Amino acid sequence: MKPTGILFFPAFDWAISPTHPEREERLLYTRDQLFEEGIMDLPQVQEYQPGIASLRDIARVHFCVPDIPSRITEAHLISAGSSIRLADALMNGEIRNAFSIVRPPGHHSMTVVHGNRGFCNINNEAILVEYLRQKYGLKRIAIVDTDVHHGDGTQEIFYHDPDVLFISFHQDGRTLYPGTGFPDELGGPLAFGSTINIPLRPRTTDEGILYVLENLVMPMLEEFNPDLVINSAGQDNHYTDPLADMQFTAQGYARLNARLAPDIAVLEGGYSVETALPYVNMGIIMAMAGIDFSKLREPDYSPGNFRESRANLEYLQGLVKRQLQIFRTREEVVAENRSKMEGFHSYYKQIFYDTDYIHEEQRVNLCICPSCCGYRTTDSEAQHHDRNYYRVLCVSVPISACEKCQQEARAVYQDARENDRYDVVYLQDRKADHYLMANRLKETEQSI
């Protein structure tokens, strides 16, 4: 049997602040324990060295304002590039699955990037998805986000993409950042049902989370039949995590991973540095590598503290039934939307970057196309913490775009670059794998 690929990148030179929960120790305790236990010496495990993403890899997903170098560091490129490195090993047949244990995290980062929100600048999983599509021709990909915080960035990036199934279970957004991820967030009009959220009540245990996995996630994955499954592997559902209020255990994480069997897991959150992360990461690695994890326990684990209430199980049963029915009727809803809607589907959003304290306003227009999922334009404006104010237009052509949408989107870009209302105009043409940025302030046009 092929080994499981493991990659560590602690990002020693990147931190929001010296005492911030998102710090290098999140990975160092895990690394010490794994080597101490001899896991890394087993033939079932193969360690890889970090890779580095290119600016083109970033441009496939993000519109960084005013440009990519101003919004990220080398640590971000390595964090994203390390998942790509493992993906290449997987696709080339060197390994059977992989776990990218890296930081900085990424699942709160959205399409447009004015700064850091939720400790995230760029989205590692989304960058990985588009890389796999471009290089290896994969079409249908599923992302299962098990972080305690809703993966609002990943959801937003793929909200209009019917070929990416995004499933997230997380602590209810009414009780935790980022305040999103509710059952009625189901995808755009041409991708309805490709986004499925399960908000969990605080203090949900292994029993509740594994019920969701078995009765909702696994049936959806079987029916969606993706080419590849990515686990956005946050570990802050653990009962000792200081930033949340859930009751998941290391044994629960191991059982979840063994059943889910992701092709690639990418570390996201998890901030109980000593009492959770070494045990949870150990459980995930053991499950992925086929090593017996039945004896894995935290030192203070007591079974009597982790009993699911009947009321919560009844809530989950009802929610799972509803979401599964929506998923199974998604194609009918999309067909109805195509027949009833025409022109553009438009909406307005406000986005808050909690780390950098930036307020962004967006106006989004989605082309309702009868042949594909449509191109999208985003008019975005925000004042950065350096007091510079930017208004930009972002034109995004999906990889599955039809010829008509490609031509229209490119024409929108050409017209907008002559418009002095925008400081920067971007073209993100995934179909042609071609990316342009016209900066009116510098009177330049750059190909990325």
Protein backbone atom coordinates (compact mmCIF):
# COMPACT_ATOMS: atom_id res chain seq x y z
CA MET A 1 0.00 0.00 0.00
CA LYS A 2 1.29 3.47 -0.89
CA PRO A 3 2.22 5.77 2.00
CA THR A 4 0.47 8.87 3.30
CA GLY A 5 2.29 12.09 2.43
CA ILE A 6 2.91 14.47 5.33
CA LEU A 7 4.30 18.00 5.08
CA PHE A 8 5.08 20.44 7.89
CA PHE A 9 5.47 24.18 7.46
CA PRO A 10 5.36 26.11 10.78
CA ALA A 11 6.04 29.53 9.15
CA PHE A 12 8.52 30.76 11.76
CA ASP A 13 8.69 34.20 10.15
CA TRP A 14 4.93 34.91 10.02
CA ALA A 15 2.70 35.93 12.90
CA ILE A 16 -0.14 38.38 13.44
CA SER A 17 1.42 39.20 16.83
CA PRO A 18 3.85 37.38 19.16
CA THR A 19 1.06 36.17 21.47
CA HIS A 20 -1.68 35.65 18.89
CA PRO A 21 -3.45 32.23 18.94
CA GLU A 22 -2.41 31.72 15.30
CA ARG A 23 1.30 31.12 15.95
CA GLU A 24 4.06 28.66 15.08
CA GLU A 25 3.62 26.57 18.25
CA ARG A 26 0.38 25.22 16.73
CA LEU A 27 2.55 22.95 14.60
CA LEU A 28 5.67 22.53 16.71
CA TYR A 29 4.06 20.52 19.53
CA THR A 30 2.53 18.19 16.97
CA ARG A 31 5.80 17.74 15.15
CA ASP A 32 7.64 16.95 18.39
CA GLN A 33 5.07 14.34 19.43
CA LEU A 34 4.97 12.64 16.04
CA PHE A 35 8.74 12.25 15.96
CA GLU A 36 8.84 11.20 19.60
CA GLU A 37 6.25 8.47 18.96
CA GLY A 38 8.12 7.32 15.86
CA ILE A 39 5.17 7.85 13.50
CA MET A 40 7.36 9.56 10.92
CA ASP A 41 9.66 6.52 10.76
CA LEU A 42 6.92 4.11 9.76
CA PRO A 43 6.74 2.89 6.15
CA GLN A 44 3.08 4.03 6.00
CA VAL A 45 4.23 7.67 6.20
CA GLN A 46 6.39 9.70 3.84
CA GLU A 47 7.46 13.25 4.68
CA TYR A 48 7.71 15.93 1.99
CA GLN A 49 9.47 19.27 1.95
CA PRO A 50 7.50 22.51 1.40
CA GLY A 51 6.78 23.88 -2.05
CA ILE A 52 6.01 27.44 -3.13
CA ALA A 53 3.01 28.70 -5.08
CA SER A 54 3.44 31.06 -8.01
CA LEU A 55 1.70 34.41 -8.39
CA ARG A 56 -0.31 32.80 -11.21
CA ASP A 57 -1.57 30.16 -8.77
CA ILE A 58 -2.85 33.00 -6.56
CA ALA A 59 -4.34 34.96 -9.49
CA ARG A 60 -6.46 31.95 -10.54
CA VAL A 61 -8.49 32.48 -7.35
CA HIS A 62 -7.93 35.95 -5.90
CA PHE A 63 -8.07 39.60 -6.87
CA CYS A 64 -5.50 41.08 -4.47
CA VAL A 65 -5.84 44.84 -4.06
CA PRO A 66 -3.85 46.63 -5.30
CA ASP A 67 -1.64 43.64 -6.20
CA ILE A 68 -0.57 40.23 -4.89
CA PRO A 69 2.83 41.18 -3.35
CA SER A 70 1.21 43.90 -1.22
CA ARG A 71 -1.27 41.49 0.38
CA ILE A 72 0.83 38.40 1.15
CA THR A 73 4.23 37.25 2.36
CA GLU A 74 6.50 34.42 1.26
CA ALA A 75 5.00 32.34 4.09
CA HIS A 76 1.60 32.50 2.38
CA LEU A 77 3.10 31.31 -0.91
CA ILE A 78 4.77 28.39 0.86
CA SER A 79 1.63 27.44 2.80
CA ALA A 80 -0.41 27.33 -0.43
CA GLY A 81 2.45 25.79 -2.40
CA SER A 82 2.95 22.98 0.09
CA SER A 83 -0.57 21.67 -0.54
CA ILE A 84 0.20 21.86 -4.27
CA ARG A 85 3.42 19.91 -3.67
CA LEU A 86 1.45 17.11 -2.02
CA ALA A 87 -1.20 17.22 -4.74
CA ASP A 88 1.48 16.64 -7.39
CA ALA A 89 2.76 13.65 -5.41
CA LEU A 90 -0.77 12.29 -5.16
CA MET A 91 -1.59 12.77 -8.84
CA ASN A 92 1.75 11.24 -9.85
CA GLY A 93 0.99 8.09 -7.86
CA GLU A 94 3.70 8.48 -5.21
CA ILE A 95 1.25 8.46 -2.28
CA ARG A 96 -2.34 7.35 -1.64
CA ASN A 97 -3.40 10.45 0.32
CA ALA A 98 -1.84 13.48 2.01
CA PHE A 99 -2.05 15.81 5.01
CA SER A 100 -0.66 19.33 4.61
CA ILE A 101 0.12 20.55 8.14
CA VAL A 102 0.83 24.17 7.34
CA ARG A 103 0.16 27.73 8.34
CA PRO A 104 -0.95 30.48 7.65
CA PRO A 105 -4.50 29.15 7.24
CA GLY A 106 -6.86 30.31 4.49
CA HIS A 107 -10.54 29.31 4.55
CA HIS A 108 -11.86 32.78 5.52
CA SER A 109 -10.17 34.44 2.54
CA MET A 110 -12.61 35.38 -0.24
CA THR A 111 -12.28 36.12 -3.95
CA VAL A 112 -11.36 39.78 -3.43
CA VAL A 113 -8.53 40.38 -0.94
CA HIS A 114 -8.07 43.79 0.68
CA GLY A 115 -6.33 42.37 3.78
CA ASN A 116 -6.42 39.67 6.45
CA ARG A 117 -9.70 38.38 7.84
CA GLY A 118 -10.08 35.48 10.25
CA PHE A 119 -6.26 35.09 10.26
CA CYS A 120 -6.41 34.40 6.48
CA ASN A 121 -4.97 36.29 3.48
CA ILE A 122 -5.27 33.74 0.67
CA ASN A 123 -7.32 30.55 0.47
CA ASN A 124 -5.14 27.42 0.38
CA GLU A 125 -7.92 24.99 -0.56
CA ALA A 126 -9.32 27.16 -3.35
CA ILE A 127 -5.85 27.68 -4.82
CA LEU A 128 -5.37 23.91 -4.69
CA VAL A 129 -8.69 23.25 -6.45
CA GLU A 130 -7.94 25.57 -9.36
CA TYR A 131 -4.40 24.21 -9.69
CA LEU A 132 -5.74 20.66 -9.93
CA ARG A 133 -8.31 21.70 -12.52
CA GLN A 134 -5.78 23.51 -14.70
CA LYS A 135 -2.92 21.02 -14.51
CA TYR A 136 -4.71 17.69 -14.29
CA GLY A 137 -8.09 18.43 -15.86
CA LEU A 138 -10.14 17.44 -12.82
CA LYS A 139 -13.70 18.71 -12.98
CA ARG A 140 -15.76 17.72 -9.95
CA ILE A 141 -14.15 18.37 -6.56
CA ALA A 142 -15.67 18.21 -3.08
CA ILE A 143 -14.46 20.25 -0.11
CA VAL A 144 -15.56 19.14 3.34
CA ASP A 145 -14.79 21.86 5.90
CA THR A 146 -14.59 20.49 9.45
CA ASP A 147 -13.29 23.66 11.09
CA VAL A 148 -15.39 24.97 13.99
CA HIS A 149 -15.69 28.30 12.17
CA HIS A 150 -17.72 28.44 8.98
CA GLY A 151 -15.47 28.48 5.90
CA ASP A 152 -17.11 31.61 4.53
CA GLY A 153 -14.23 32.39 2.18
CA THR A 154 -14.25 28.98 0.49
CA GLN A 155 -18.03 29.13 0.26
CA GLU A 156 -17.96 32.56 -1.39
CA ILE A 157 -15.29 31.57 -3.92
CA PHE A 158 -17.27 28.54 -5.16
CA TYR A 159 -20.82 29.79 -4.50
CA HIS A 160 -21.59 29.98 -8.23
CA ASP A 161 -19.68 26.85 -9.27
CA PRO A 162 -21.82 23.69 -9.62
CA ASP A 163 -18.74 21.50 -10.07
CA VAL A 164 -17.39 22.19 -6.58
CA LEU A 165 -19.45 20.72 -3.74
CA PHE A 166 -18.74 22.68 -0.56
CA ILE A 167 -19.96 21.07 2.68
CA SER A 168 -19.34 22.72 6.04
CA PHE A 169 -20.31 21.72 9.54
CA HIS A 170 -19.35 24.24 12.20
CA GLN A 171 -20.50 25.87 15.40
CA ASP A 172 -23.69 27.86 14.76
CA GLY A 173 -22.86 31.29 13.34
CA ARG A 174 -25.20 32.92 15.87
CA THR A 175 -22.68 31.95 18.54
CA LEU A 176 -19.31 32.24 16.79
CA TYR A 177 -17.27 34.10 14.15
CA PRO A 178 -17.84 34.73 11.25
CA GLY A 179 -21.59 34.71 11.87
CA THR A 180 -22.45 32.86 8.64
CA GLY A 181 -23.01 29.30 7.42
CA PHE A 182 -26.76 28.94 7.87
CA PRO A 183 -28.90 26.23 6.24
CA ASP A 184 -30.37 28.62 3.66
CA GLU A 185 -26.94 29.46 2.20
CA LEU A 186 -27.20 26.96 -0.66
CA GLY A 187 -25.27 28.34 -3.64
CA GLY A 188 -26.04 30.82 -6.41
CA PRO A 189 -28.96 30.47 -8.85
CA LEU A 190 -26.91 28.39 -11.32
CA ALA A 191 -25.16 26.36 -8.62
CA PHE A 192 -28.00 25.85 -6.16
CA GLY A 193 -27.47 22.92 -3.79
CA SER A 194 -23.70 22.79 -4.32
CA THR A 195 -23.21 24.58 -0.98
CA ILE A 196 -24.50 22.72 2.09
CA ASN A 197 -24.14 24.03 5.64
CA ILE A 198 -24.83 22.28 8.92
CA PRO A 199 -24.64 24.73 11.85
CA LEU A 200 -24.00 22.79 15.04
CA ARG A 201 -25.23 23.81 18.45
CA PRO A 202 -22.51 24.61 21.01
CA ARG A 203 -21.14 21.57 22.88
CA THR A 204 -22.04 19.08 20.16
CA THR A 205 -20.06 15.86 20.75
CA ASP A 206 -18.47 13.15 18.60
CA GLU A 207 -21.86 11.42 18.35
CA GLY A 208 -23.55 14.45 16.81
CA ILE A 209 -20.77 15.30 14.38
CA LEU A 210 -20.33 11.70 13.24
CA TYR A 211 -24.11 11.46 12.74
CA VAL A 212 -23.89 14.38 10.30
CA LEU A 213 -20.97 12.71 8.55
CA GLU A 214 -22.66 9.34 8.15
CA ASN A 215 -26.15 10.51 7.25
CA LEU A 216 -25.48 13.63 5.18
CA VAL A 217 -21.87 14.07 4.08
CA MET A 218 -21.21 10.51 2.93
CA PRO A 219 -24.47 10.12 0.96
CA MET A 220 -23.84 13.46 -0.79
CA LEU A 221 -20.29 12.50 -1.69
CA GLU A 222 -21.44 9.15 -3.05
CA GLU A 223 -24.06 10.83 -5.25
CA PHE A 224 -21.86 13.75 -6.33
CA ASN A 225 -19.04 11.31 -7.19
CA PRO A 226 -16.16 13.83 -7.12
CA ASP A 227 -12.83 13.28 -8.81
CA LEU A 228 -11.14 14.27 -5.54
CA VAL A 229 -12.11 15.07 -1.92
CA ILE A 230 -10.37 17.78 0.11
CA ASN A 231 -10.77 18.07 3.88
CA SER A 232 -10.42 21.63 5.16
CA ALA A 233 -9.16 20.17 8.42
CA GLY A 234 -9.75 22.64 11.20
CA GLN A 235 -9.24 21.20 14.67
CA ASP A 236 -10.95 23.83 16.80
CA ASN A 237 -14.06 21.69 17.38
CA HIS A 238 -11.97 20.07 20.14
CA TYR A 239 -13.32 20.34 23.67
CA THR A 240 -10.24 22.25 24.91
CA ASP A 241 -10.09 24.87 22.15
CA PRO A 242 -10.05 28.40 23.65
CA LEU A 243 -11.85 30.10 20.74
CA ALA A 244 -14.95 27.90 20.48
CA ASP A 245 -17.39 25.79 22.50
CA MET A 246 -17.63 22.28 21.08
CA GLN A 247 -17.01 18.77 22.47
CA PHE A 248 -15.16 16.87 19.77
CA THR A 249 -12.29 14.56 20.77
CA ALA A 250 -9.12 13.26 19.11
CA GLN A 251 -10.80 9.87 18.78
CA GLY A 252 -13.74 11.56 17.06
CA TYR A 253 -11.42 13.33 14.60
CA ALA A 254 -9.69 10.04 13.79
CA ARG A 255 -12.99 8.24 13.22
CA LEU A 256 -14.24 11.12 11.05
CA ASN A 257 -11.12 11.04 8.91
CA ALA A 258 -11.14 7.26 8.55
CA ARG A 259 -14.74 7.36 7.28
CA LEU A 260 -14.39 10.48 5.13
CA ALA A 261 -11.14 9.18 3.57
CA PRO A 262 -10.12 12.50 1.97
CA ASP A 263 -7.52 12.49 -0.77
CA ILE A 264 -5.90 15.62 0.70
CA ALA A 265 -6.38 17.21 4.13
CA VAL A 266 -5.21 20.79 4.66
CA LEU A 267 -4.81 22.18 8.16
CA GLU A 268 -6.97 25.17 9.04
CA GLY A 269 -7.76 26.30 12.61
CA GLY A 270 -7.09 24.74 16.00
CA TYR A 271 -5.66 26.76 18.88
CA SER A 272 -5.36 24.43 21.86
CA VAL A 273 -1.65 24.07 21.29
CA GLU A 274 -0.69 21.51 23.96
CA THR A 275 -3.89 19.71 24.97
CA ALA A 276 -5.51 19.12 21.57
CA LEU A 277 -3.38 19.58 18.47
CA PRO A 278 -0.74 16.87 19.07
CA TYR A 279 -3.48 14.29 19.71
CA VAL A 280 -5.82 15.41 16.94
CA ASN A 281 -3.08 15.57 14.31
CA MET A 282 -1.84 12.19 15.47
CA GLY A 283 -5.34 10.76 15.06
CA ILE A 284 -5.78 12.21 11.57
CA ILE A 285 -2.41 10.91 10.40
CA MET A 286 -3.02 7.45 11.87
CA ALA A 287 -6.44 7.25 10.21
CA MET A 288 -5.10 8.39 6.82
CA ALA A 289 -2.15 5.98 7.01
CA GLY A 290 -4.26 3.00 8.11
CA ILE A 291 -2.63 2.77 11.55
CA ASP A 292 -4.73 1.51 14.49
CA PHE A 293 -5.92 4.55 16.47
CA SER A 294 -8.26 2.75 18.90
CA LYS A 295 -6.02 3.52 21.90
CA LEU A 296 -5.59 7.22 21.08
CA ARG A 297 -6.81 9.38 23.99
CA GLU A 298 -6.12 12.79 25.52
CA PRO A 299 -4.69 12.56 29.07
CA ASP A 300 -7.85 14.09 30.60
CA TYR A 301 -10.37 12.21 28.44
CA SER A 302 -13.41 10.87 30.35
CA PRO A 303 -16.25 9.22 28.38
CA GLY A 304 -18.91 10.48 30.79
CA ASN A 305 -18.21 14.08 29.74
CA PHE A 306 -19.18 13.51 26.10
CA ARG A 307 -22.82 12.47 25.90
CA GLU A 308 -25.05 13.91 23.21
CA SER A 309 -28.43 15.21 24.30
CA ARG A 310 -31.58 13.73 22.79
CA ALA A 311 -32.79 17.22 21.86
CA ASN A 312 -29.64 17.95 19.87
CA LEU A 313 -29.82 14.63 18.01
CA GLU A 314 -33.42 15.38 17.05
CA TYR A 315 -32.34 18.82 15.78
CA LEU A 316 -29.56 17.25 13.70
CA GLN A 317 -31.88 14.57 12.31
CA GLY A 318 -34.31 17.19 11.06
CA LEU A 319 -31.60 19.40 9.60
CA VAL A 320 -29.81 16.51 7.88
CA LYS A 321 -33.07 15.34 6.31
CA ARG A 322 -33.81 18.85 5.00
CA GLN A 323 -30.34 19.47 3.57
CA LEU A 324 -30.15 16.07 1.90
CA GLN A 325 -33.49 16.66 0.19
CA ILE A 326 -32.30 20.07 -1.06
CA PHE A 327 -29.10 18.53 -2.40
CA ARG A 328 -31.01 15.81 -4.24
CA THR A 329 -33.33 18.29 -5.97
CA ARG A 330 -30.63 20.85 -6.86
CA GLU A 331 -30.60 20.19 -10.61
CA GLU A 332 -34.35 20.79 -10.85
CA VAL A 333 -33.99 24.14 -9.07
CA VAL A 334 -31.11 25.21 -11.33
CA ALA A 335 -33.11 24.27 -14.42
CA GLU A 336 -36.05 26.33 -13.15
CA ASN A 337 -33.77 29.29 -12.44
CA ARG A 338 -32.38 29.16 -15.96
CA SER A 339 -35.89 29.20 -17.41
CA LYS A 340 -37.15 32.07 -15.26
CA MET A 341 -34.09 34.32 -14.96
CA GLU A 342 -32.29 36.27 -17.66
CA GLY A 343 -29.70 39.02 -17.87
CA PHE A 344 -27.79 39.46 -14.63
CA HIS A 345 -28.35 38.35 -11.05
CA SER A 346 -27.07 41.22 -8.89
CA TYR A 347 -26.48 41.61 -5.18
CA TYR A 348 -24.70 43.86 -2.68
CA LYS A 349 -22.44 42.76 0.18
CA GLN A 350 -20.49 44.31 3.03
CA ILE A 351 -17.38 42.44 4.20
CA PHE A 352 -15.44 43.15 7.38
CA TYR A 353 -11.75 42.25 7.70
CA ASP A 354 -11.56 41.70 11.44
CA THR A 355 -7.77 41.33 11.60
CA ASP A 356 -6.93 44.44 9.55
CA TYR A 357 -10.11 46.37 10.42
CA ILE A 358 -11.09 47.08 6.82
CA HIS A 359 -14.68 47.60 5.64
CA GLU A 360 -15.33 46.52 2.04
CA GLU A 361 -18.41 47.12 -0.10
CA GLN A 362 -19.14 44.89 -3.07
CA ARG A 363 -21.60 44.93 -5.95
CA VAL A 364 -21.67 41.58 -7.72
CA ASN A 365 -23.21 40.82 -11.13
CA LEU A 366 -23.59 37.21 -12.29
CA CYS A 367 -24.43 36.60 -15.94
CA ILE A 368 -27.35 34.17 -16.15
CA CYS A 369 -26.23 31.99 -19.04
CA PRO A 370 -28.29 29.16 -20.56
CA SER A 371 -25.13 27.20 -21.44
CA CYS A 372 -22.73 27.52 -18.48
CA CYS A 373 -22.50 28.83 -14.92
CA GLY A 374 -21.90 32.40 -16.16
CA TYR A 375 -19.14 34.95 -15.76
CA ARG A 376 -19.10 37.36 -12.82
CA THR A 377 -18.06 40.95 -12.19
CA THR A 378 -17.35 42.39 -8.74
CA ASP A 379 -17.21 46.14 -8.11
CA SER A 380 -15.29 46.47 -4.85
CA GLU A 381 -14.21 49.45 -2.79
CA ALA A 382 -12.44 49.80 0.56
CA GLN A 383 -10.11 52.06 2.48
CA HIS A 384 -6.98 50.23 3.63
CA HIS A 385 -5.26 50.74 6.96
CA ASP A 386 -2.57 52.78 5.18
CA ARG A 387 -5.43 55.22 4.36
CA ASN A 388 -5.28 54.48 0.63
CA TYR A 389 -8.78 54.14 -0.86
CA TYR A 390 -9.27 51.70 -3.72
CA ARG A 391 -12.15 51.07 -6.10
CA VAL A 392 -11.59 48.09 -8.36
CA LEU A 393 -13.50 46.00 -10.89
CA CYS A 394 -12.88 42.26 -10.99
CA VAL A 395 -13.98 40.20 -14.00
CA SER A 396 -13.99 36.43 -13.47
CA VAL A 397 -14.38 33.84 -16.24
CA PRO A 398 -14.98 30.31 -14.86
CA ILE A 399 -13.06 27.36 -16.24
CA SER A 400 -16.30 25.92 -17.65
CA ALA A 401 -17.36 29.15 -19.39
CA CYS A 402 -19.00 28.97 -22.82
CA GLU A 403 -17.62 30.95 -25.76
CA LYS A 404 -20.26 33.68 -25.44
CA CYS A 405 -19.46 34.32 -21.77
CA GLN A 406 -15.74 34.38 -22.49
CA GLN A 407 -16.13 37.03 -25.16
CA GLU A 408 -18.53 39.17 -23.12
CA ALA A 409 -16.30 39.07 -20.04
CA ARG A 410 -13.20 40.05 -21.99
CA ALA A 411 -15.12 42.94 -23.54
CA VAL A 412 -16.21 44.11 -20.07
CA TYR A 413 -12.57 44.14 -18.99
CA GLN A 414 -11.47 46.13 -22.05
CA ASP A 415 -14.23 48.72 -21.52
CA ALA A 416 -13.57 49.04 -17.79
CA ARG A 417 -9.84 49.58 -18.16
CA GLU A 418 -10.66 52.80 -20.01
CA ASN A 419 -13.02 53.93 -17.22
CA ASP A 420 -11.44 56.37 -14.77
CA ARG A 421 -13.83 55.40 -11.96
CA TYR A 422 -11.66 52.32 -11.21
CA ASP A 423 -8.15 52.37 -9.79
CA VAL A 424 -7.45 48.78 -10.87
CA VAL A 425 -9.29 46.47 -13.27
CA TYR A 426 -8.63 42.73 -13.26
CA LEU A 427 -9.37 39.91 -15.70
CA GLN A 428 -9.31 36.41 -14.24
CA ASP A 429 -9.78 34.13 -17.25
CA ARG A 430 -9.56 30.58 -15.94
CA LYS A 431 -10.74 29.18 -19.26
CA ALA A 432 -7.63 30.50 -21.02
CA ASP A 433 -5.54 30.44 -17.81
CA HIS A 434 -4.80 34.10 -18.50
CA TYR A 435 -4.73 36.89 -15.89
CA LEU A 436 -4.43 40.65 -16.44
CA MET A 437 -4.29 43.67 -14.14
CA ALA A 438 -4.69 47.22 -15.48
CA ASN A 439 -3.60 49.83 -12.92
CA ARG A 440 -4.92 53.27 -13.85
CA LEU A 441 -2.90 55.00 -11.10
CA LYS A 442 0.38 53.67 -12.54
CA GLU A 443 -0.89 53.60 -16.14
CA THR A 444 0.28 50.02 -16.55
CA GLU A 445 -1.20 46.69 -17.63
CA GLN A 446 0.42 43.56 -16.24
CA SER A 447 0.02 39.92 -17.18
CA ILE A 448 0.34 37.63 -14.16
